[in-house]
Amino acid sequence: MNTGMVRLNITLPLSISKELNQFSGPRKRSKFIAEAITYRINQLKKKKMEGLLAEGYKATKDETLEIAKAFEVIDLGTWDEY
C-alpha cells in the first residue's frame, strides 16, 4: 500500500456528513472515507472484469463449441457403461 498521503477538499450533503460522523467516530473520518472509496473501487473493478470476461466468452463461443465437439467422441468413449 502506498504510504503517501494527499489532502483533499470534498463537499458532501449535510445528511451524509452527519451519518459519516456517527459511524466513523471522532477524528477517524479520513480512514472511513478511504475504506469506503477502496471498497467501491474494488466493486467497480470486479464489475468491469466480469464484463470483460463475459465479452471474451461470447467472442470465443463458437471456437469453444468446435473444440468441445471435436473431443466429444473421445470423452464419451472413455465412460463406463452402466
N, C-alpha and C. Protein backbone atom coordinates (compact mmCIF):
# COMPACT_ATOMS: atom_id res chain seq x y z
N MET A 1 0.84 -1.18 0.00
CA MET A 1 0.00 0.00 0.00
C MET A 1 0.89 1.24 0.00
N ASN A 2 0.50 2.21 -0.75
CA ASN A 2 1.25 3.45 -0.83
C ASN A 2 1.07 4.22 0.48
N THR A 3 2.17 4.61 1.10
CA THR A 3 2.07 5.32 2.37
C THR A 3 1.97 6.83 2.19
N GLY A 4 2.12 7.31 0.96
CA GLY A 4 1.97 8.74 0.70
C GLY A 4 0.53 9.17 0.91
N MET A 5 0.37 10.37 1.37
CA MET A 5 -0.97 10.88 1.64
C MET A 5 -1.17 12.17 0.85
N VAL A 6 -2.43 12.46 0.56
CA VAL A 6 -2.79 13.70 -0.12
C VAL A 6 -4.01 14.27 0.59
N ARG A 7 -4.03 15.57 0.73
CA ARG A 7 -5.17 16.23 1.37
C ARG A 7 -6.14 16.64 0.27
N LEU A 8 -7.42 16.31 0.49
CA LEU A 8 -8.47 16.66 -0.46
C LEU A 8 -9.51 17.54 0.23
N ASN A 9 -10.10 18.39 -0.53
CA ASN A 9 -11.21 19.20 -0.04
C ASN A 9 -12.44 18.71 -0.79
N ILE A 10 -13.36 18.05 -0.07
CA ILE A 10 -14.56 17.49 -0.71
C ILE A 10 -15.80 18.15 -0.14
N THR A 11 -16.87 18.08 -0.90
CA THR A 11 -18.16 18.60 -0.47
C THR A 11 -19.15 17.46 -0.41
N LEU A 12 -19.82 17.33 0.73
CA LEU A 12 -20.81 16.27 0.93
C LEU A 12 -22.14 16.89 1.35
N PRO A 13 -23.23 16.22 1.02
CA PRO A 13 -24.51 16.67 1.56
C PRO A 13 -24.48 16.59 3.10
N LEU A 14 -25.18 17.48 3.75
CA LEU A 14 -25.19 17.54 5.21
C LEU A 14 -25.61 16.21 5.82
N SER A 15 -26.62 15.57 5.24
CA SER A 15 -27.12 14.31 5.80
C SER A 15 -26.03 13.23 5.78
N ILE A 16 -25.26 13.18 4.70
CA ILE A 16 -24.18 12.19 4.63
C ILE A 16 -23.08 12.54 5.62
N SER A 17 -22.79 13.82 5.78
CA SER A 17 -21.78 14.25 6.74
C SER A 17 -22.16 13.85 8.16
N LYS A 18 -23.43 14.00 8.50
CA LYS A 18 -23.89 13.61 9.84
C LYS A 18 -23.76 12.11 10.04
N GLU A 19 -24.16 11.34 9.04
CA GLU A 19 -24.04 9.88 9.15
C GLU A 19 -22.58 9.45 9.22
N LEU A 20 -21.74 10.10 8.44
CA LEU A 20 -20.31 9.80 8.48
C LEU A 20 -19.77 10.00 9.89
N ASN A 21 -20.13 11.09 10.51
CA ASN A 21 -19.66 11.36 11.87
C ASN A 21 -20.19 10.33 12.87
N GLN A 22 -21.41 9.84 12.66
CA GLN A 22 -21.97 8.83 13.55
C GLN A 22 -21.22 7.51 13.45
N PHE A 23 -20.88 7.11 12.22
CA PHE A 23 -20.29 5.79 12.01
C PHE A 23 -18.77 5.77 12.06
N SER A 24 -18.14 6.90 11.81
CA SER A 24 -16.68 6.89 11.76
C SER A 24 -16.05 7.19 13.11
N GLY A 25 -16.75 7.86 13.94
CA GLY A 25 -16.18 8.25 15.22
C GLY A 25 -15.34 9.51 15.06
N PRO A 26 -15.03 10.14 16.17
CA PRO A 26 -14.28 11.39 16.10
C PRO A 26 -12.86 11.17 15.56
N ARG A 27 -12.45 12.04 14.68
CA ARG A 27 -11.10 12.07 14.13
C ARG A 27 -10.74 10.81 13.34
N LYS A 28 -11.74 10.09 12.83
CA LYS A 28 -11.48 8.89 12.04
C LYS A 28 -12.18 8.94 10.69
N ARG A 29 -12.62 10.12 10.29
CA ARG A 29 -13.35 10.26 9.04
C ARG A 29 -12.49 9.91 7.83
N SER A 30 -11.26 10.34 7.82
CA SER A 30 -10.39 10.09 6.67
C SER A 30 -10.22 8.59 6.43
N LYS A 31 -10.00 7.85 7.50
CA LYS A 31 -9.84 6.39 7.37
C LYS A 31 -11.13 5.77 6.86
N PHE A 32 -12.26 6.19 7.40
CA PHE A 32 -13.56 5.66 6.99
C PHE A 32 -13.80 5.93 5.51
N ILE A 33 -13.55 7.17 5.09
CA ILE A 33 -13.76 7.54 3.69
C ILE A 33 -12.83 6.77 2.77
N ALA A 34 -11.56 6.62 3.18
CA ALA A 34 -10.61 5.86 2.37
C ALA A 34 -11.05 4.41 2.21
N GLU A 35 -11.53 3.80 3.29
CA GLU A 35 -12.02 2.42 3.22
C GLU A 35 -13.25 2.31 2.33
N ALA A 36 -14.16 3.28 2.44
CA ALA A 36 -15.38 3.26 1.62
C ALA A 36 -15.04 3.42 0.14
N ILE A 37 -14.11 4.31 -0.16
CA ILE A 37 -13.72 4.52 -1.56
C ILE A 37 -13.02 3.28 -2.10
N THR A 38 -12.14 2.69 -1.29
CA THR A 38 -11.44 1.47 -1.71
C THR A 38 -12.45 0.36 -1.99
N TYR A 39 -13.44 0.21 -1.12
CA TYR A 39 -14.47 -0.81 -1.31
C TYR A 39 -15.22 -0.59 -2.62
N ARG A 40 -15.60 0.66 -2.88
CA ARG A 40 -16.36 0.97 -4.11
C ARG A 40 -15.50 0.77 -5.35
N ILE A 41 -14.25 1.17 -5.30
CA ILE A 41 -13.35 0.97 -6.43
C ILE A 41 -13.20 -0.52 -6.73
N ASN A 42 -13.06 -1.33 -5.69
CA ASN A 42 -12.96 -2.78 -5.89
C ASN A 42 -14.22 -3.36 -6.51
N GLN A 43 -15.38 -2.84 -6.11
CA GLN A 43 -16.65 -3.26 -6.72
C GLN A 43 -16.66 -2.94 -8.21
N LEU A 44 -16.24 -1.73 -8.56
CA LEU A 44 -16.24 -1.31 -9.95
C LEU A 44 -15.23 -2.11 -10.78
N LYS A 45 -14.08 -2.41 -10.21
CA LYS A 45 -13.08 -3.23 -10.91
C LYS A 45 -13.63 -4.63 -11.16
N LYS A 46 -14.30 -5.19 -10.15
CA LYS A 46 -14.88 -6.52 -10.29
C LYS A 46 -15.95 -6.53 -11.39
N LYS A 47 -16.80 -5.52 -11.38
CA LYS A 47 -17.85 -5.42 -12.39
C LYS A 47 -17.25 -5.29 -13.79
N LYS A 48 -16.19 -4.49 -13.91
CA LYS A 48 -15.53 -4.32 -15.19
C LYS A 48 -14.91 -5.64 -15.66
N MET A 49 -14.26 -6.37 -14.74
CA MET A 49 -13.65 -7.64 -15.09
C MET A 49 -14.71 -8.66 -15.50
N GLU A 50 -15.83 -8.69 -14.80
CA GLU A 50 -16.91 -9.59 -15.17
C GLU A 50 -17.43 -9.28 -16.56
N GLY A 51 -17.53 -8.00 -16.89
CA GLY A 51 -17.96 -7.59 -18.23
C GLY A 51 -16.97 -8.03 -19.29
N LEU A 52 -15.68 -7.85 -19.02
CA LEU A 52 -14.65 -8.27 -19.96
C LEU A 52 -14.64 -9.78 -20.15
N LEU A 53 -14.82 -10.51 -19.05
CA LEU A 53 -14.87 -11.97 -19.15
C LEU A 53 -16.07 -12.42 -19.97
N ALA A 54 -17.23 -11.83 -19.70
CA ALA A 54 -18.44 -12.18 -20.45
C ALA A 54 -18.24 -11.88 -21.93
N GLU A 55 -17.64 -10.74 -22.23
CA GLU A 55 -17.37 -10.36 -23.61
C GLU A 55 -16.42 -11.38 -24.26
N GLY A 56 -15.40 -11.79 -23.53
CA GLY A 56 -14.46 -12.78 -24.05
C GLY A 56 -15.11 -14.12 -24.29
N TYR A 57 -15.95 -14.55 -23.34
CA TYR A 57 -16.64 -15.83 -23.51
C TYR A 57 -17.55 -15.80 -24.74
N LYS A 58 -18.25 -14.68 -24.93
CA LYS A 58 -19.12 -14.56 -26.09
C LYS A 58 -18.32 -14.56 -27.39
N ALA A 59 -17.16 -13.89 -27.36
CA ALA A 59 -16.34 -13.80 -28.57
C ALA A 59 -15.75 -15.15 -28.97
N THR A 60 -15.51 -16.03 -28.00
CA THR A 60 -14.89 -17.32 -28.32
C THR A 60 -15.88 -18.48 -28.23
N LYS A 61 -17.16 -18.16 -28.16
CA LYS A 61 -18.19 -19.19 -28.01
C LYS A 61 -18.13 -20.24 -29.13
N ASP A 62 -18.09 -19.80 -30.36
CA ASP A 62 -18.09 -20.74 -31.49
C ASP A 62 -16.85 -21.62 -31.48
N GLU A 63 -15.70 -21.02 -31.20
CA GLU A 63 -14.45 -21.78 -31.15
C GLU A 63 -14.49 -22.81 -30.02
N THR A 64 -15.02 -22.42 -28.89
CA THR A 64 -15.12 -23.33 -27.75
C THR A 64 -16.03 -24.50 -28.07
N LEU A 65 -17.15 -24.23 -28.72
CA LEU A 65 -18.08 -25.30 -29.10
C LEU A 65 -17.44 -26.26 -30.09
N GLU A 66 -16.66 -25.74 -31.04
CA GLU A 66 -15.97 -26.59 -32.01
C GLU A 66 -14.97 -27.50 -31.31
N ILE A 67 -14.23 -26.97 -30.37
CA ILE A 67 -13.25 -27.78 -29.63
C ILE A 67 -13.96 -28.85 -28.82
N ALA A 68 -15.04 -28.48 -28.14
CA ALA A 68 -15.78 -29.45 -27.35
C ALA A 68 -16.35 -30.55 -28.24
N LYS A 69 -16.85 -30.17 -29.40
CA LYS A 69 -17.41 -31.16 -30.32
C LYS A 69 -16.32 -32.11 -30.83
N ALA A 70 -15.13 -31.59 -31.10
CA ALA A 70 -14.02 -32.41 -31.60
C ALA A 70 -13.61 -33.46 -30.58
N PHE A 71 -13.72 -33.17 -29.29
CA PHE A 71 -13.31 -34.11 -28.25
C PHE A 71 -14.47 -34.91 -27.69
N GLU A 72 -15.66 -34.67 -28.16
CA GLU A 72 -16.85 -35.35 -27.65
C GLU A 72 -16.74 -36.86 -27.79
N VAL A 73 -16.27 -37.34 -28.94
CA VAL A 73 -16.15 -38.78 -29.17
C VAL A 73 -15.17 -39.40 -28.17
N ILE A 74 -14.08 -38.73 -27.96
CA ILE A 74 -13.08 -39.25 -27.02
C ILE A 74 -13.61 -39.23 -25.60
N ASP A 75 -14.26 -38.15 -25.24
CA ASP A 75 -14.81 -38.03 -23.89
C ASP A 75 -15.85 -39.10 -23.62
N LEU A 76 -16.78 -39.26 -24.52
CA LEU A 76 -17.86 -40.25 -24.33
C LEU A 76 -17.34 -41.67 -24.43
N GLY A 77 -16.33 -41.89 -25.24
CA GLY A 77 -15.78 -43.23 -25.43
C GLY A 77 -15.08 -43.78 -24.21
N THR A 78 -14.65 -42.95 -23.31
CA THR A 78 -13.93 -43.41 -22.11
C THR A 78 -14.83 -43.63 -20.94
N TRP A 79 -16.09 -43.34 -21.07
CA TRP A 79 -17.03 -43.54 -19.95
C TRP A 79 -17.42 -45.01 -19.87
N ASP A 80 -17.52 -45.50 -18.66
CA ASP A 80 -18.01 -46.85 -18.43
C ASP A 80 -19.51 -46.89 -18.71
N GLU A 81 -19.97 -48.00 -19.27
CA GLU A 81 -21.40 -48.14 -19.49
C GLU A 81 -22.02 -48.81 -18.29
N TYR A 82 -23.15 -48.29 -17.89
CA TYR A 82 -23.84 -48.86 -16.72
C TYR A 82 -25.14 -49.47 -17.13
